[in-house]
Amino acid sequence: MSPRTSSSSSSSSSSATSSILSQQKLYRRSHPNEAIPNPAFLLTSKFLDVVCCSTPLFPSLCPFNDHESLSSSTAAAALRGVSGGANGGSVELNGGAGGGWRSYLPEEWVHFPTGQLSHSFGNFYQDGNLEEDLTFDEFYRDWQQKLLQQQAKLKEEELHKQKEQLSSKWSNLFTPTIATTVDNDSVLTQTSHLLSAYYTFAFQTNNTTLSTLTHPSTLVVLVVLVLLFRTMKKIFLPKFSSIGEQLGKVTHGAGWSENNQDRIQKFGEYVYRLLYHSAVSIYGVRYFHDKAWWKGGGSGSGGGGGGGTMHLWIGHPNQVVHPGMAWYYLLQCAYNVDALFSLCELSFEIEYINPFTYSSALDFLEREQVVNERQRKEQVYKLMASSAGEGARRRHRQSVLWTPLFRIVWSTNIRGDFREMMAHHIVTNALIFFSSYYRLTRVGSMVFLVHDLSDVPVDMSKLANFVKWKITTICCFVGMVVMWMITRLYIFPFVICRAVIVESYEYLVWKDGASLDPAMYNAYYLFFYALLGALVLLHLTWFLILLRIGWTLVSTGERHDYTEHKSGEKQKNN
């Protein structure tokens, strides 16, 4: 569900309930340490609400919805509790346990939240403060109405012209032509209407469902973009690899390509990455250069000067999301999802197992009375490999997952920094989807851009190293280290992360006009902190790898890419 659509139920709630919820939120703002539960309770409550209320598994355990089902007596009691709290009395923030699974908890555990999904995105804002995303159905209805009005106006104008011409001396000469013009030019076909509406909705309309990646229609677009990226890679990667092979032959001789097929394949991959990162960086710099949150504003943060990172939060959650931002997010998400799939394809291989051979091996082990599970699996594999011949034994590699029908093994082309890259892709995709859902696209766009800018020299240095151009490799390496320090070791932790840690609570919760309930901030801030902190640690880890590459280059003169090979590269006719 889009976070904006959840506001519809709250806007239709009774005035008494709305007043209670508003006063509860105000009380929690003024008593943050007293009235807000810990994040573990809120996240656990969120999970149970989703399982019980949004799935058919346990519908009887779903708590009632405060916004719709709160009785007048309960509302009055809760309202008296809030008023009493202002005078020093005790405050009952929940207005009852809420029923469902919460009825099984002790009363003192259920101070907040209550009601169906009561701490989901929409209900953490004052009533009416959260606008809905514009869906295509809503847009198309308005579009058709405007189109019908335009057609009616055009027909009226044409009929008026016809009447004027009929009253003239030469009206009989022009009447047929005018009628044909009305039929052919004024009445558009339904298909052209629909295509034009899709184009206007996608590329000329602000705050549509395309700005929320978790919306079902947006997920369909995302899947199409991922498939498009994968298709483009299948088409262009072999062509880029052939360019690398030709460069290698020119530089190192005809025999070089025979011993460096892995390097040639990776050359094509990094040409593709260089083109993508260069294109998206150019677009990002051009699109965001005049945005307020990228402008300096004193103290590197949110001071005066008309800019600063305070603009990451001002206007949240109803910040305008232009089509340029929505498609920027969509393309970046599609690329990162595809990168995660590609890393898995590069790192793992699936080997299918003959089930008949497996059964024979089990019968043999039962006769030999092998009971240790680990020993049993090893013996089964040895028996199956021996029955498959010498080739299977040569292909013996460590298993990641073993089943009677197939096993997943590590590939010979696995990256040296596989763990770091896998963690990076998982963290990045989590940040992309959650930042889109919670309307934090401005922060996400800054994270995207600093990563893309630093990836360009990374790709260039890898390309130069793959073909072993020494001077070019050194120049690209120096540029990569400098860019990495500026973007990932300064801007990311000391500008972006600082804004998240220092400014977000101030502008989202406490400042005048802020509508975020502190309970929501308390529920999710540790999650976002952990993801951003993980990226900082990964950046530091890769920077240490870069320093190791530089030290090897200075001390030995050899150029080893430790991100591709943990122990360095084998030098093959280079």
Protein backbone atom coordinates (compact mmCIF):
# COMPACT_ATOMS: atom_id res chain seq x y z
CA MET A 1 0.00 0.00 0.00
CA SER A 2 1.21 3.47 -0.77
CA PRO A 3 1.93 5.44 2.39
CA ARG A 4 -0.25 8.28 1.16
CA THR A 5 -3.34 6.12 0.65
CA SER A 6 -3.49 5.26 4.32
CA SER A 7 -4.66 8.79 5.12
CA SER A 8 -8.10 8.21 3.60
CA SER A 9 -9.35 6.18 6.55
CA SER A 10 -8.09 8.74 9.05
CA SER A 11 -9.71 11.64 7.16
CA SER A 12 -13.12 9.91 7.38
CA SER A 13 -12.90 9.17 11.11
CA SER A 14 -15.17 10.79 13.64
CA SER A 15 -14.29 14.20 15.05
CA ALA A 16 -14.07 12.84 18.61
CA THR A 17 -11.55 10.18 17.62
CA SER A 18 -9.52 12.67 15.57
CA SER A 19 -9.37 15.02 18.54
CA ILE A 20 -8.17 12.23 20.80
CA LEU A 21 -5.47 11.11 18.40
CA SER A 22 -4.25 14.67 17.89
CA GLN A 23 -4.03 15.29 21.63
CA GLN A 24 -2.27 11.97 22.14
CA LYS A 25 0.33 12.98 19.59
CA LEU A 26 0.81 16.37 21.20
CA TYR A 27 1.23 14.71 24.58
CA ARG A 28 3.85 12.31 23.20
CA ARG A 29 5.77 15.23 21.74
CA SER A 30 5.90 17.01 25.09
CA HIS A 31 6.67 13.79 27.05
CA PRO A 32 8.91 11.77 24.72
CA ASN A 33 10.61 9.71 27.42
CA GLU A 34 7.37 8.91 29.23
CA ALA A 35 4.87 8.27 26.45
CA ILE A 36 6.81 6.56 23.65
CA PRO A 37 7.52 2.80 23.85
CA ASN A 38 10.82 1.37 22.77
CA PRO A 39 11.47 0.54 19.08
CA ALA A 40 11.41 -3.21 19.68
CA PHE A 41 7.80 -3.07 20.92
CA LEU A 42 6.69 -0.82 18.05
CA LEU A 43 8.30 -2.95 15.33
CA THR A 44 6.97 -6.18 16.86
CA SER A 45 3.52 -4.64 17.10
CA LYS A 46 3.77 -3.53 13.49
CA PHE A 47 4.67 -7.04 12.36
CA LEU A 48 1.81 -8.64 14.28
CA ASP A 49 -0.68 -6.08 12.95
CA VAL A 50 0.38 -6.80 9.37
CA VAL A 51 0.18 -10.57 9.85
CA CYS A 52 -3.21 -10.46 11.59
CA CYS A 53 -4.89 -7.63 9.66
CA SER A 54 -3.40 -7.67 6.17
CA THR A 55 -3.17 -11.42 5.61
CA PRO A 56 -5.84 -14.16 5.84
CA LEU A 57 -3.81 -16.11 8.41
CA PHE A 58 -5.22 -14.86 11.73
CA PRO A 59 -8.06 -12.41 11.05
CA SER A 60 -9.64 -13.01 14.47
CA LEU A 61 -6.51 -11.63 16.14
CA CYS A 62 -6.66 -8.30 14.30
CA PRO A 63 -7.18 -5.36 16.69
CA PHE A 64 -10.01 -2.98 15.87
CA ASN A 65 -9.20 0.26 14.12
CA ASP A 66 -9.13 3.24 16.47
CA HIS A 67 -10.03 5.58 13.65
CA GLU A 68 -13.25 3.79 12.77
CA SER A 69 -14.40 1.66 15.69
CA LEU A 70 -13.60 3.61 18.83
CA SER A 71 -16.79 3.89 20.86
CA SER A 72 -17.95 7.21 22.20
CA SER A 73 -17.53 6.09 25.80
CA THR A 74 -13.99 4.91 25.17
CA ALA A 75 -13.28 8.14 23.31
CA ALA A 76 -14.54 10.22 26.20
CA ALA A 77 -12.49 8.19 28.67
CA ALA A 78 -9.36 8.58 26.60
CA LEU A 79 -9.98 12.29 26.20
CA ARG A 80 -10.40 12.67 29.95
CA GLY A 81 -7.16 10.75 30.42
CA VAL A 82 -5.23 13.16 28.18
CA SER A 83 -6.76 16.19 29.90
CA GLY A 84 -5.98 14.73 33.30
CA GLY A 85 -2.39 14.19 32.24
CA ALA A 86 -1.98 17.88 31.60
CA ASN A 87 -2.95 18.53 35.21
CA GLY A 88 -0.57 16.02 36.63
CA GLY A 89 -2.88 13.01 36.54
CA SER A 90 -2.25 9.68 34.83
CA VAL A 91 -2.67 9.48 31.08
CA GLU A 92 -4.25 6.56 29.24
CA LEU A 93 -2.84 6.94 25.74
CA ASN A 94 -4.45 3.96 24.12
CA GLY A 95 -8.10 4.14 25.08
CA GLY A 96 -8.18 0.41 25.75
CA ALA A 97 -6.12 -2.58 24.73
CA GLY A 98 -7.53 -2.52 21.21
CA GLY A 99 -8.69 -6.13 21.13
CA GLY A 100 -7.19 -8.82 18.94
CA TRP A 101 -3.74 -10.04 19.85
CA ARG A 102 -3.20 -7.04 22.14
CA SER A 103 -5.92 -8.28 24.50
CA TYR A 104 -3.52 -11.08 25.54
CA LEU A 105 -0.91 -8.60 26.78
CA PRO A 106 -0.79 -7.04 30.25
CA GLU A 107 -2.56 -3.68 30.31
CA GLU A 108 0.63 -1.80 31.16
CA TRP A 109 2.24 -3.09 27.94
CA VAL A 110 -0.43 -1.62 25.70
CA HIS A 111 -0.16 2.11 26.34
CA PHE A 112 0.63 2.67 22.67
CA PRO A 113 -0.16 1.88 19.94
CA THR A 114 -3.67 0.48 19.54
CA GLY A 115 -5.88 -0.17 16.57
CA GLN A 116 -5.34 -1.79 13.20
CA LEU A 117 -1.96 -0.64 11.81
CA SER A 118 -2.14 2.34 14.13
CA HIS A 119 1.58 2.95 13.87
CA SER A 120 1.80 2.51 10.11
CA PHE A 121 2.94 5.45 8.02
CA GLY A 122 -0.30 7.33 7.50
CA ASN A 123 -1.64 7.33 11.04
CA PHE A 124 1.49 8.90 12.46
CA TYR A 125 0.52 12.25 10.94
CA GLN A 126 -2.09 14.74 11.99
CA ASP A 127 -5.41 14.11 10.22
CA GLY A 128 -5.44 15.57 6.73
CA ASN A 129 -1.68 16.25 6.63
CA LEU A 130 -0.82 13.28 4.46
CA GLU A 131 -1.77 13.64 0.82
CA GLU A 132 -2.44 10.65 -1.39
CA ASP A 133 -0.40 9.63 -4.40
CA LEU A 134 -2.17 10.29 -7.68
CA THR A 135 -3.13 6.99 -9.29
CA PHE A 136 -3.48 6.56 -13.03
CA ASP A 137 -7.21 5.79 -12.71
CA GLU A 138 -7.82 9.10 -10.96
CA PHE A 139 -5.65 10.93 -13.45
CA TYR A 140 -7.35 9.29 -16.44
CA ARG A 141 -10.82 10.19 -15.22
CA ASP A 142 -9.80 13.85 -14.99
CA TRP A 143 -8.04 13.54 -18.31
CA GLN A 144 -11.15 12.21 -20.05
CA GLN A 145 -13.33 14.94 -18.58
CA LYS A 146 -10.96 17.64 -19.81
CA LEU A 147 -10.74 15.96 -23.20
CA LEU A 148 -14.53 15.79 -23.54
CA GLN A 149 -14.76 19.44 -22.60
CA GLN A 150 -12.15 20.34 -25.22
CA GLN A 151 -13.95 18.28 -27.87
CA ALA A 152 -17.29 19.85 -27.01
CA LYS A 153 -15.75 23.30 -27.23
CA LEU A 154 -14.11 22.46 -30.55
CA LYS A 155 -17.34 21.10 -32.01
CA GLU A 156 -19.20 24.17 -30.86
CA GLU A 157 -16.61 26.37 -32.57
CA GLU A 158 -16.83 24.34 -35.77
CA LEU A 159 -20.64 24.48 -35.79
CA HIS A 160 -20.45 28.22 -35.30
CA LYS A 161 -18.10 28.49 -38.27
CA GLN A 162 -20.42 26.34 -40.37
CA LYS A 163 -23.39 28.56 -39.58
CA GLU A 164 -21.40 31.62 -40.57
CA GLN A 165 -20.33 29.99 -43.82
CA LEU A 166 -23.83 28.75 -44.62
CA SER A 167 -25.10 32.27 -44.35
CA SER A 168 -22.48 33.48 -46.77
CA LYS A 169 -22.62 33.43 -50.55
CA TRP A 170 -20.14 30.56 -50.99
CA SER A 171 -21.21 28.31 -48.11
CA ASN A 172 -21.98 25.35 -50.37
CA LEU A 173 -18.32 25.13 -51.41
CA PHE A 174 -16.90 24.85 -47.93
CA THR A 175 -19.42 22.84 -45.93
CA PRO A 176 -18.22 19.30 -46.97
CA THR A 177 -14.61 20.16 -46.28
CA ILE A 178 -15.41 21.50 -42.84
CA ALA A 179 -17.39 18.38 -41.90
CA THR A 180 -14.46 16.17 -42.90
CA THR A 181 -12.08 18.26 -40.81
CA VAL A 182 -14.25 17.80 -37.73
CA ASP A 183 -14.45 14.03 -38.20
CA ASN A 184 -10.75 13.48 -38.84
CA ASP A 185 -8.99 16.08 -36.70
CA SER A 186 -11.25 16.76 -33.71
CA VAL A 187 -12.13 13.20 -32.69
CA LEU A 188 -9.11 11.27 -31.45
CA THR A 189 -9.16 7.53 -31.21
CA GLN A 190 -9.38 5.82 -27.82
CA THR A 191 -5.89 4.39 -28.26
CA SER A 192 -4.31 7.75 -28.87
CA HIS A 193 -6.19 9.11 -25.84
CA LEU A 194 -4.79 6.34 -23.66
CA LEU A 195 -1.20 6.64 -24.90
CA SER A 196 -1.26 10.38 -24.51
CA ALA A 197 -2.65 10.00 -20.99
CA TYR A 198 0.06 7.49 -20.06
CA TYR A 199 2.77 9.82 -21.33
CA THR A 200 1.38 12.84 -19.47
CA PHE A 201 0.93 10.84 -16.29
CA ALA A 202 4.42 9.35 -16.37
CA PHE A 203 6.50 12.31 -17.57
CA GLN A 204 4.55 15.49 -16.89
CA THR A 205 2.66 14.92 -13.60
CA ASN A 206 3.99 15.41 -10.06
CA ASN A 207 3.40 13.16 -7.05
CA THR A 208 2.07 10.12 -8.88
CA THR A 209 2.22 6.53 -7.70
CA LEU A 210 5.46 6.19 -9.69
CA SER A 211 7.16 8.05 -6.84
CA THR A 212 6.40 5.15 -4.46
CA LEU A 213 8.29 2.00 -5.42
CA THR A 214 6.13 -0.25 -3.26
CA HIS A 215 2.91 0.62 -5.09
CA PRO A 216 1.72 -2.40 -7.15
CA SER A 217 1.61 -0.51 -10.46
CA THR A 218 5.10 0.88 -9.83
CA LEU A 219 6.42 -2.60 -9.07
CA VAL A 220 5.21 -3.69 -12.52
CA VAL A 221 7.16 -0.81 -14.10
CA LEU A 222 10.17 -1.76 -11.98
CA VAL A 223 10.09 -5.38 -13.17
CA VAL A 224 9.94 -4.19 -16.79
CA LEU A 225 12.96 -1.93 -16.22
CA VAL A 226 14.94 -4.76 -14.59
CA LEU A 227 14.19 -7.01 -17.57
CA LEU A 228 15.21 -4.18 -19.89
CA PHE A 229 18.54 -3.79 -18.10
CA ARG A 230 19.18 -7.52 -18.32
CA THR A 231 18.31 -7.58 -22.00
CA MET A 232 20.66 -4.69 -22.70
CA LYS A 233 23.46 -6.49 -20.87
CA LYS A 234 22.95 -9.64 -22.93
CA ILE A 235 23.15 -7.60 -26.11
CA PHE A 236 26.00 -5.23 -25.33
CA LEU A 237 28.29 -7.10 -22.91
CA PRO A 238 29.64 -9.49 -25.61
CA LYS A 239 30.32 -6.50 -27.85
CA PHE A 240 32.16 -4.67 -25.07
CA SER A 241 34.13 -7.81 -24.24
CA SER A 242 35.22 -8.15 -27.87
CA ILE A 243 36.57 -4.59 -27.69
CA GLY A 244 38.60 -5.58 -24.63
CA GLU A 245 39.91 -8.64 -26.42
CA GLN A 246 41.09 -6.54 -29.36
CA LEU A 247 42.77 -4.03 -27.05
CA GLY A 248 44.51 -6.85 -25.21
CA LYS A 249 45.82 -8.35 -28.44
CA VAL A 250 47.14 -5.00 -29.62
CA THR A 251 48.86 -4.31 -26.29
CA HIS A 252 50.10 -7.79 -25.30
CA GLY A 253 50.05 -9.90 -28.44
CA ALA A 254 47.74 -12.47 -29.99
CA GLY A 255 48.22 -15.08 -27.25
CA TRP A 256 47.08 -12.81 -24.45
CA SER A 257 43.37 -13.39 -24.93
CA GLU A 258 43.66 -17.20 -24.59
CA ASN A 259 44.89 -16.93 -20.98
CA ASN A 260 42.72 -13.99 -19.89
CA GLN A 261 39.12 -14.88 -20.77
CA ASP A 262 37.91 -13.98 -17.27
CA ARG A 263 39.56 -10.60 -17.54
CA ILE A 264 38.01 -10.01 -20.96
CA GLN A 265 34.55 -10.89 -19.63
CA LYS A 266 34.96 -8.48 -16.72
CA PHE A 267 36.20 -5.80 -19.09
CA GLY A 268 32.83 -5.90 -20.86
CA GLU A 269 31.02 -5.71 -17.51
CA TYR A 270 32.95 -2.63 -16.44
CA VAL A 271 32.47 -0.87 -19.76
CA TYR A 272 28.74 -1.29 -19.21
CA ARG A 273 29.05 -0.03 -15.64
CA LEU A 274 31.16 2.95 -16.73
CA LEU A 275 28.58 3.98 -19.31
CA TYR A 276 25.73 3.69 -16.82
CA HIS A 277 27.48 5.49 -13.96
CA SER A 278 28.68 8.25 -16.29
CA ALA A 279 25.23 8.79 -17.78
CA VAL A 280 23.39 8.75 -14.45
CA SER A 281 26.03 11.01 -12.86
CA ILE A 282 25.69 13.58 -15.64
CA TYR A 283 21.91 13.50 -15.28
CA GLY A 284 22.15 13.71 -11.49
CA VAL A 285 24.50 16.69 -11.50
CA ARG A 286 22.39 18.50 -14.07
CA TYR A 287 19.07 17.74 -12.36
CA PHE A 288 20.11 18.37 -8.75
CA HIS A 289 22.62 21.23 -9.16
CA ASP A 290 20.04 23.90 -8.32
CA LYS A 291 18.15 21.93 -5.67
CA ALA A 292 18.10 23.62 -2.27
CA TRP A 293 19.36 20.60 -0.32
CA TRP A 294 22.57 20.52 -2.38
CA LYS A 295 23.36 24.19 -1.77
CA GLY A 296 25.61 25.25 1.09
CA GLY A 297 23.81 26.75 4.04
CA GLY A 298 26.30 27.42 6.77
CA SER A 299 28.01 24.85 8.97
CA GLY A 300 27.74 22.48 6.02
CA SER A 301 24.25 21.70 7.12
CA GLY A 302 21.09 23.67 7.36
CA GLY A 303 21.92 27.27 8.02
CA GLY A 304 20.99 30.32 6.03
CA GLY A 305 21.79 31.21 2.46
CA GLY A 306 18.57 29.74 1.10
CA GLY A 307 19.90 26.20 1.04
CA GLY A 308 21.27 23.38 3.12
CA THR A 309 20.32 19.91 4.18
CA MET A 310 17.39 21.21 6.22
CA HIS A 311 15.52 21.16 2.88
CA LEU A 312 15.75 17.38 2.96
CA TRP A 313 13.03 17.50 5.62
CA ILE A 314 11.07 20.71 5.11
CA GLY A 315 7.67 19.94 3.61
CA HIS A 316 7.83 16.23 4.47
CA PRO A 317 5.78 14.08 3.91
CA ASN A 318 4.14 16.10 1.09
CA GLN A 319 7.26 17.23 -0.74
CA VAL A 320 6.77 17.61 -4.47
CA VAL A 321 8.18 14.65 -6.39
CA HIS A 322 8.69 15.67 -10.01
CA PRO A 323 8.72 13.07 -12.79
CA GLY A 324 12.48 13.55 -13.11
CA MET A 325 12.97 12.44 -9.51
CA ALA A 326 10.47 9.58 -9.80
CA TRP A 327 12.17 8.10 -12.89
CA TYR A 328 15.63 8.71 -11.41
CA TYR A 329 14.59 6.57 -8.44
CA LEU A 330 12.99 3.93 -10.66
CA LEU A 331 16.07 3.56 -12.88
CA GLN A 332 18.45 3.49 -9.93
CA CYS A 333 16.34 0.86 -8.19
CA ALA A 334 16.13 -1.29 -11.33
CA TYR A 335 19.89 -1.08 -11.82
CA ASN A 336 20.62 -2.05 -8.21
CA VAL A 337 18.16 -4.95 -8.26
CA ASP A 338 19.75 -6.19 -11.47
CA ALA A 339 23.22 -5.75 -9.91
CA LEU A 340 22.16 -8.00 -7.01
CA PHE A 341 20.95 -10.69 -9.43
CA SER A 342 24.12 -10.36 -11.51
CA LEU A 343 26.33 -10.75 -8.44
CA CYS A 344 24.50 -13.97 -7.56
CA GLU A 345 24.87 -15.27 -11.12
CA LEU A 346 28.58 -14.44 -11.08
CA SER A 347 29.22 -15.98 -7.66
CA PHE A 348 27.12 -19.16 -7.71
CA GLU A 349 26.57 -22.07 -10.04
CA ILE A 350 23.85 -24.71 -9.93
CA GLU A 351 24.80 -28.34 -10.48
CA TYR A 352 21.98 -30.80 -10.99
CA ILE A 353 22.16 -34.22 -9.35
CA ASN A 354 20.90 -37.49 -10.78
CA PRO A 355 18.24 -38.67 -8.31
CA PHE A 356 18.85 -42.33 -9.21
CA THR A 357 22.53 -41.99 -8.35
CA TYR A 358 21.54 -40.30 -5.11
CA SER A 359 19.24 -43.19 -4.18
CA SER A 360 21.98 -45.75 -4.89
CA ALA A 361 24.38 -43.82 -2.69
CA LEU A 362 21.85 -43.74 0.16
CA ASP A 363 21.34 -47.52 -0.07
CA PHE A 364 25.09 -48.07 0.13
CA LEU A 365 25.44 -45.78 3.16
CA GLU A 366 22.60 -47.54 4.96
CA ARG A 367 24.38 -50.84 4.48
CA GLU A 368 27.65 -49.30 5.73
CA GLN A 369 25.78 -47.78 8.73
CA VAL A 370 27.05 -44.23 8.26
CA VAL A 371 25.12 -42.12 10.78
CA ASN A 372 27.01 -38.82 11.01
CA GLU A 373 25.08 -36.29 8.88
CA ARG A 374 28.14 -34.38 7.68
CA GLN A 375 30.03 -37.57 6.88
CA ARG A 376 26.94 -38.92 5.18
CA LYS A 377 26.71 -35.94 2.80
CA GLU A 378 30.43 -36.16 2.00
CA GLN A 379 30.21 -39.87 1.25
CA VAL A 380 27.12 -39.38 -0.92
CA TYR A 381 28.89 -36.76 -2.99
CA LYS A 382 32.01 -38.91 -3.38
CA LEU A 383 29.96 -41.89 -4.53
CA MET A 384 28.00 -39.77 -6.98
CA ALA A 385 31.13 -38.05 -8.27
CA SER A 386 32.88 -41.39 -8.80
CA SER A 387 29.91 -42.67 -10.77
CA ALA A 388 29.93 -39.49 -12.89
CA GLY A 389 33.57 -39.89 -13.87
CA GLU A 390 36.83 -37.96 -13.53
CA GLY A 391 35.32 -34.73 -14.92
CA ALA A 392 32.96 -34.43 -11.95
CA ARG A 393 35.84 -34.84 -9.49
CA ARG A 394 37.77 -32.07 -11.24
CA ARG A 395 34.74 -29.83 -10.87
CA HIS A 396 34.50 -30.49 -7.13
CA ARG A 397 33.96 -27.20 -5.32
CA GLN A 398 32.64 -26.20 -1.94
CA SER A 399 28.86 -26.38 -1.73
CA VAL A 400 26.76 -23.43 -0.63
CA LEU A 401 23.48 -25.42 -0.62
CA TRP A 402 23.13 -29.18 -1.06
CA THR A 403 19.88 -31.02 -1.90
CA PRO A 404 19.11 -34.47 -3.36
CA LEU A 405 18.23 -32.87 -6.75
CA PHE A 406 20.74 -30.04 -7.10
CA ARG A 407 23.46 -28.19 -5.27
CA ILE A 408 24.70 -24.60 -5.40
CA VAL A 409 28.47 -24.16 -5.49
CA TRP A 410 30.82 -21.20 -5.52
CA SER A 411 31.78 -20.06 -8.99
CA THR A 412 35.38 -19.78 -10.12
CA ASN A 413 34.66 -16.17 -11.14
CA ILE A 414 33.57 -15.06 -7.67
CA ARG A 415 34.74 -11.58 -6.69
CA GLY A 416 37.36 -11.18 -3.99
CA ASP A 417 35.07 -8.76 -2.14
CA PHE A 418 31.94 -10.88 -2.56
CA ARG A 419 30.83 -10.51 1.07
CA GLU A 420 31.24 -6.75 0.99
CA MET A 421 29.43 -6.44 -2.37
CA MET A 422 26.56 -8.70 -1.29
CA ALA A 423 26.13 -6.73 1.95
CA HIS A 424 26.31 -3.47 -0.03
CA HIS A 425 23.62 -4.55 -2.50
CA ILE A 426 21.28 -5.78 0.24
CA VAL A 427 21.70 -2.60 2.30
CA THR A 428 21.37 -0.37 -0.77
CA ASN A 429 18.17 -2.01 -2.01
CA ALA A 430 16.67 -1.89 1.48
CA LEU A 431 17.42 1.84 1.71
CA ILE A 432 15.97 2.45 -1.75
CA PHE A 433 12.62 0.79 -1.04
CA PHE A 434 12.22 2.13 2.50
CA SER A 435 13.24 5.68 1.58
CA SER A 436 10.71 5.62 -1.26
CA TYR A 437 7.93 4.25 0.94
CA TYR A 438 8.54 6.80 3.69
CA ARG A 439 8.87 9.71 1.26
CA LEU A 440 12.58 10.31 1.92
CA THR A 441 13.51 10.51 -1.75
CA ARG A 442 15.57 13.68 -1.33
CA VAL A 443 17.93 11.93 1.06
CA GLY A 444 18.01 8.90 -1.21
CA SER A 445 18.89 11.03 -4.24
CA MET A 446 21.93 12.43 -2.39
CA VAL A 447 23.09 8.92 -1.51
CA PHE A 448 22.66 7.84 -5.14
CA LEU A 449 24.65 10.73 -6.54
CA VAL A 450 27.67 10.50 -4.24
CA HIS A 451 27.93 6.77 -5.02
CA ASP A 452 27.60 7.25 -8.78
CA LEU A 453 30.21 10.02 -8.91
CA SER A 454 32.75 7.88 -7.06
CA ASP A 455 31.97 4.79 -9.16
CA VAL A 456 33.06 6.46 -12.42
CA PRO A 457 36.82 6.54 -11.57
CA VAL A 458 36.47 3.08 -10.01
CA ASP A 459 35.23 1.66 -13.31
CA MET A 460 37.89 3.53 -15.28
CA SER A 461 40.72 2.22 -13.08
CA LYS A 462 39.45 -1.34 -13.36
CA LEU A 463 39.27 -1.10 -17.15
CA ALA A 464 42.81 0.24 -17.32
CA ASN A 465 44.05 -2.49 -14.99
CA PHE A 466 42.31 -5.29 -16.90
CA VAL A 467 44.25 -4.42 -20.06
CA LYS A 468 47.36 -3.60 -17.95
CA TRP A 469 47.96 -0.02 -19.10
CA LYS A 470 50.35 1.05 -16.37
CA ILE A 471 50.31 4.87 -16.66
CA THR A 472 46.56 5.00 -17.24
CA THR A 473 45.98 2.67 -14.30
CA ILE A 474 48.04 4.87 -11.96
CA CYS A 475 46.25 8.07 -13.05
CA CYS A 476 42.82 6.50 -12.70
CA PHE A 477 43.76 5.01 -9.34
CA VAL A 478 44.82 8.40 -7.94
CA GLY A 479 41.60 9.99 -9.21
CA MET A 480 39.58 7.14 -7.71
CA VAL A 481 41.15 7.55 -4.25
CA VAL A 482 40.61 11.33 -4.26
CA MET A 483 36.98 11.04 -5.41
CA TRP A 484 36.34 8.26 -2.90
CA MET A 485 37.61 10.39 -0.03
CA ILE A 486 35.52 13.41 -1.09
CA THR A 487 32.24 11.62 -1.76
CA ARG A 488 32.13 8.49 0.37
CA LEU A 489 34.37 9.45 3.29
CA TYR A 490 33.36 13.11 3.65
CA ILE A 491 30.06 14.03 1.96
CA PHE A 492 28.27 10.79 2.82
CA PRO A 493 29.11 10.51 6.55
CA PHE A 494 29.61 14.18 7.48
CA VAL A 495 26.88 15.80 5.37
CA ILE A 496 24.19 13.21 4.59
CA CYS A 497 24.45 11.01 7.68
CA ARG A 498 24.92 14.07 9.86
CA ALA A 499 21.69 15.54 8.49
CA VAL A 500 19.86 12.27 9.21
CA ILE A 501 21.17 12.03 12.77
CA VAL A 502 21.15 15.69 13.80
CA GLU A 503 18.43 17.41 11.77
CA SER A 504 15.77 14.82 10.98
CA TYR A 505 14.15 14.78 14.44
CA GLU A 506 14.18 18.56 14.65
CA TYR A 507 12.47 19.19 11.30
CA LEU A 508 10.21 16.13 11.17
CA VAL A 509 8.93 16.17 14.76
CA TRP A 510 9.62 19.38 16.67
CA LYS A 511 9.69 22.31 14.23
CA ASP A 512 6.55 24.32 13.57
CA GLY A 513 4.60 22.64 10.79
CA ALA A 514 6.14 19.20 11.44
CA SER A 515 3.51 16.47 11.49
CA LEU A 516 5.48 13.31 12.25
CA ASP A 517 4.57 11.57 15.48
CA PRO A 518 7.67 10.92 17.63
CA ALA A 519 6.50 7.34 18.11
CA MET A 520 7.12 6.63 14.44
CA TYR A 521 10.53 8.26 14.58
CA ASN A 522 11.32 6.19 17.65
CA ALA A 523 10.21 3.01 15.89
CA TYR A 524 12.29 3.32 12.74
CA TYR A 525 15.24 5.63 13.29
CA LEU A 526 17.53 2.83 14.53
CA PHE A 527 16.75 0.83 11.41
CA PHE A 528 17.81 3.67 9.11
CA TYR A 529 20.81 4.45 11.29
CA ALA A 530 21.95 0.82 11.01
CA LEU A 531 21.66 0.78 7.22
CA LEU A 532 23.54 4.06 6.80
CA GLY A 533 26.14 2.95 9.33
CA ALA A 534 26.63 -0.29 7.40
CA LEU A 535 27.37 1.72 4.25
CA VAL A 536 29.93 3.83 6.13
CA LEU A 537 31.68 0.67 7.36
CA LEU A 538 31.68 -0.80 3.84
CA HIS A 539 33.16 2.42 2.46
CA LEU A 540 35.94 2.27 5.04
CA THR A 541 36.56 -1.41 4.26
CA TRP A 542 36.89 -0.71 0.54
CA PHE A 543 39.12 2.28 1.25
CA LEU A 544 41.49 0.00 3.16
CA ILE A 545 41.50 -2.32 0.14
CA LEU A 546 42.35 0.67 -2.06
CA LEU A 547 45.24 1.57 0.24
CA ARG A 548 46.48 -2.02 -0.01
CA ILE A 549 46.33 -1.83 -3.80
CA GLY A 550 48.27 1.45 -3.70
CA TRP A 551 50.89 0.06 -1.32
CA THR A 552 51.43 -3.00 -3.53
CA LEU A 553 51.78 -0.72 -6.57
CA VAL A 554 54.36 1.53 -4.85
CA SER A 555 56.36 -1.19 -3.08
CA THR A 556 56.49 -3.87 -5.79
CA GLY A 557 55.40 -2.12 -8.97
CA GLU A 558 52.70 -4.77 -9.50
CA ARG A 559 49.11 -3.86 -10.14
CA HIS A 560 46.77 -6.19 -8.20
CA ASP A 561 43.03 -5.61 -7.90
CA TYR A 562 42.24 -7.09 -4.49
CA THR A 563 38.53 -6.41 -4.97
CA GLU A 564 38.56 -9.07 -7.69
CA HIS A 565 41.14 -11.42 -6.17
CA LYS A 566 41.77 -11.62 -2.42
CA SER A 567 45.36 -12.81 -2.84
CA GLY A 568 46.13 -10.78 -5.93
CA GLU A 569 45.95 -11.59 -9.60
CA LYS A 570 47.91 -14.26 -11.38
CA GLN A 571 50.05 -12.60 -13.98
CA LYS A 572 49.36 -14.29 -17.33
CA ASN A 573 51.40 -13.06 -20.26
CA ASN A 574 50.82 -9.44 -19.33
